[in-house]
Amino acid sequence: MKGCIAAGLEPDFWMKTLHKTNYWSATDTREQDNLWCEDPEQTIAFMKTVKQPWIAFKTMSAGALKPEDAFGFAFENGADFVCAGMYDFQFVEDVNLAVNVLNGPLPRGHRLESLACWSPSS
């Protein structure tokens, strides 16, 4: 993303992994390939500098984190949307969890006040 910005690219939105790193396999010292966001604080700080909305994905770290924690973490730290993988039988519960997070007291880490007013030309 930093390279895209340095090259002058201005997409309509960004997608970036974001999740906590407090689950068992995130600190496993064996070779692994399931840590998708090694430094969430760096991601959070950088995403505060972009003007476009962003979509956080891999927020549940392949099921290592509960959606109620993962969605809250993403939205509280500036994500405007969450792209969440789930089975069909999880859809209603996960959507309701996201709605509850968004309807609750949510300290927003992103400067977009309302995406309802957002358009690529703004």
Protein backbone atom coordinates (compact mmCIF):
# COMPACT_ATOMS: atom_id res chain seq x y z
CA MET A 1 0.00 0.00 0.00
CA LYS A 2 2.81 2.39 0.82
CA GLY A 3 4.30 1.71 -2.61
CA CYS A 4 0.96 2.38 -4.29
CA ILE A 5 0.63 5.71 -2.49
CA ALA A 6 4.24 6.63 -3.32
CA ALA A 7 3.47 5.89 -6.99
CA GLY A 8 0.52 8.30 -6.86
CA LEU A 9 -2.24 5.70 -7.05
CA GLU A 10 -5.57 6.73 -5.53
CA PRO A 11 -7.96 3.77 -5.35
CA ASP A 12 -11.60 4.08 -4.32
CA PHE A 13 -10.87 1.95 -1.23
CA TRP A 14 -8.17 -0.18 0.39
CA MET A 15 -8.19 -3.76 1.71
CA LYS A 16 -5.77 -4.66 4.49
CA THR A 17 -5.46 -7.50 6.97
CA LEU A 18 -6.12 -6.52 10.56
CA HIS A 19 -6.43 -8.71 13.63
CA LYS A 20 -5.21 -9.04 17.17
CA THR A 21 -2.13 -11.13 17.82
CA ASN A 22 -3.18 -12.62 21.15
CA TYR A 23 -4.15 -16.10 19.98
CA TRP A 24 -2.09 -19.23 20.59
CA SER A 25 -0.67 -19.78 17.12
CA ALA A 26 0.29 -16.12 16.61
CA THR A 27 3.14 -16.57 19.05
CA ASP A 28 3.99 -20.15 18.07
CA THR A 29 7.70 -20.24 17.29
CA ARG A 30 7.41 -23.14 14.84
CA GLU A 31 7.28 -22.34 11.14
CA GLN A 32 3.73 -21.30 10.31
CA ASP A 33 1.70 -19.43 7.77
CA ASN A 34 -1.31 -18.26 9.74
CA LEU A 35 -0.18 -14.90 11.05
CA TRP A 36 -1.65 -12.38 8.63
CA CYS A 37 -1.07 -9.11 10.44
CA GLU A 38 2.21 -9.18 12.32
CA ASP A 39 2.03 -5.59 13.54
CA PRO A 40 -1.56 -4.41 13.93
CA GLU A 41 -0.50 -1.16 15.62
CA GLN A 42 1.57 -0.23 12.57
CA THR A 43 -1.40 -1.01 10.30
CA ILE A 44 -3.76 1.04 12.47
CA ALA A 45 -1.40 4.04 12.49
CA PHE A 46 -0.82 3.88 8.73
CA MET A 47 -4.50 3.49 7.85
CA LYS A 48 -5.27 6.68 9.78
CA THR A 49 -3.24 8.53 7.13
CA VAL A 50 -5.19 7.36 4.07
CA LYS A 51 -8.16 9.34 2.85
CA GLN A 52 -10.10 6.48 1.27
CA PRO A 53 -12.21 4.02 3.26
CA TRP A 54 -10.71 0.65 4.02
CA ILE A 55 -11.90 -2.91 4.37
CA ALA A 56 -10.25 -5.05 7.05
CA PHE A 57 -9.98 -8.75 6.23
CA LYS A 58 -8.61 -11.84 7.99
CA THR A 59 -10.01 -10.21 11.13
CA MET A 60 -10.75 -13.57 12.78
CA SER A 61 -7.39 -15.13 11.84
CA ALA A 62 -8.91 -18.22 10.25
CA GLY A 63 -11.21 -18.82 13.21
CA ALA A 64 -8.60 -18.26 15.93
CA LEU A 65 -10.48 -15.17 17.16
CA LYS A 66 -14.16 -14.85 17.99
CA PRO A 67 -16.14 -12.61 15.64
CA GLU A 68 -17.48 -10.43 18.47
CA ASP A 69 -13.89 -9.59 19.44
CA ALA A 70 -12.51 -9.42 15.91
CA PHE A 71 -15.21 -7.13 14.50
CA GLY A 72 -14.96 -4.78 17.47
CA PHE A 73 -11.17 -4.61 17.14
CA ALA A 74 -11.37 -3.83 13.43
CA PHE A 75 -14.07 -1.16 13.66
CA GLU A 76 -12.60 0.45 16.80
CA ASN A 77 -9.26 0.76 15.05
CA GLY A 78 -10.48 2.47 11.93
CA ALA A 79 -11.79 -0.15 9.53
CA ASP A 80 -14.80 1.15 7.65
CA PHE A 81 -15.90 -2.33 6.58
CA VAL A 82 -15.02 -5.91 7.50
CA CYS A 83 -14.70 -8.72 4.99
CA ALA A 84 -15.43 -11.86 7.01
CA GLY A 85 -15.32 -15.44 5.88
CA MET A 86 -18.01 -17.63 7.38
CA TYR A 87 -20.19 -20.63 6.74
CA ASP A 88 -23.80 -20.10 5.72
CA PHE A 89 -25.07 -21.15 9.15
CA GLN A 90 -22.91 -18.44 10.77
CA PHE A 91 -24.19 -15.59 8.64
CA VAL A 92 -27.10 -14.35 10.77
CA GLU A 93 -25.15 -14.50 14.03
CA ASP A 94 -22.07 -12.79 12.57
CA VAL A 95 -24.10 -10.02 10.93
CA ASN A 96 -25.94 -9.43 14.20
CA LEU A 97 -22.61 -9.30 16.06
CA ALA A 98 -21.29 -6.71 13.59
CA VAL A 99 -24.48 -4.65 13.88
CA ASN A 100 -24.23 -4.75 17.68
CA VAL A 101 -20.64 -3.53 17.52
CA LEU A 102 -21.56 -0.73 15.14
CA ASN A 103 -24.59 0.30 17.19
CA GLY A 104 -22.64 0.32 20.45
CA PRO A 105 -20.28 2.93 21.84
CA LEU A 106 -17.65 2.76 19.17
CA PRO A 107 -14.53 4.89 19.39
CA ARG A 108 -13.67 5.27 15.72
CA GLY A 109 -10.04 5.32 14.73
CA HIS A 110 -10.75 6.57 11.22
CA ARG A 111 -11.54 10.12 10.29
CA LEU A 112 -14.49 9.34 7.98
CA GLU A 113 -17.53 10.53 9.86
CA SER A 114 -20.10 8.74 7.76
CA LEU A 115 -19.72 6.48 4.80
CA ALA A 116 -23.33 7.22 3.87
CA CYS A 117 -22.02 10.51 2.51
CA TRP A 118 -18.84 9.08 1.00
CA SER A 119 -18.33 8.90 -2.71
CA PRO A 120 -15.17 8.50 -4.81
CA SER A 121 -15.34 12.17 -5.78
CA SER A 122 -15.33 13.42 -2.16
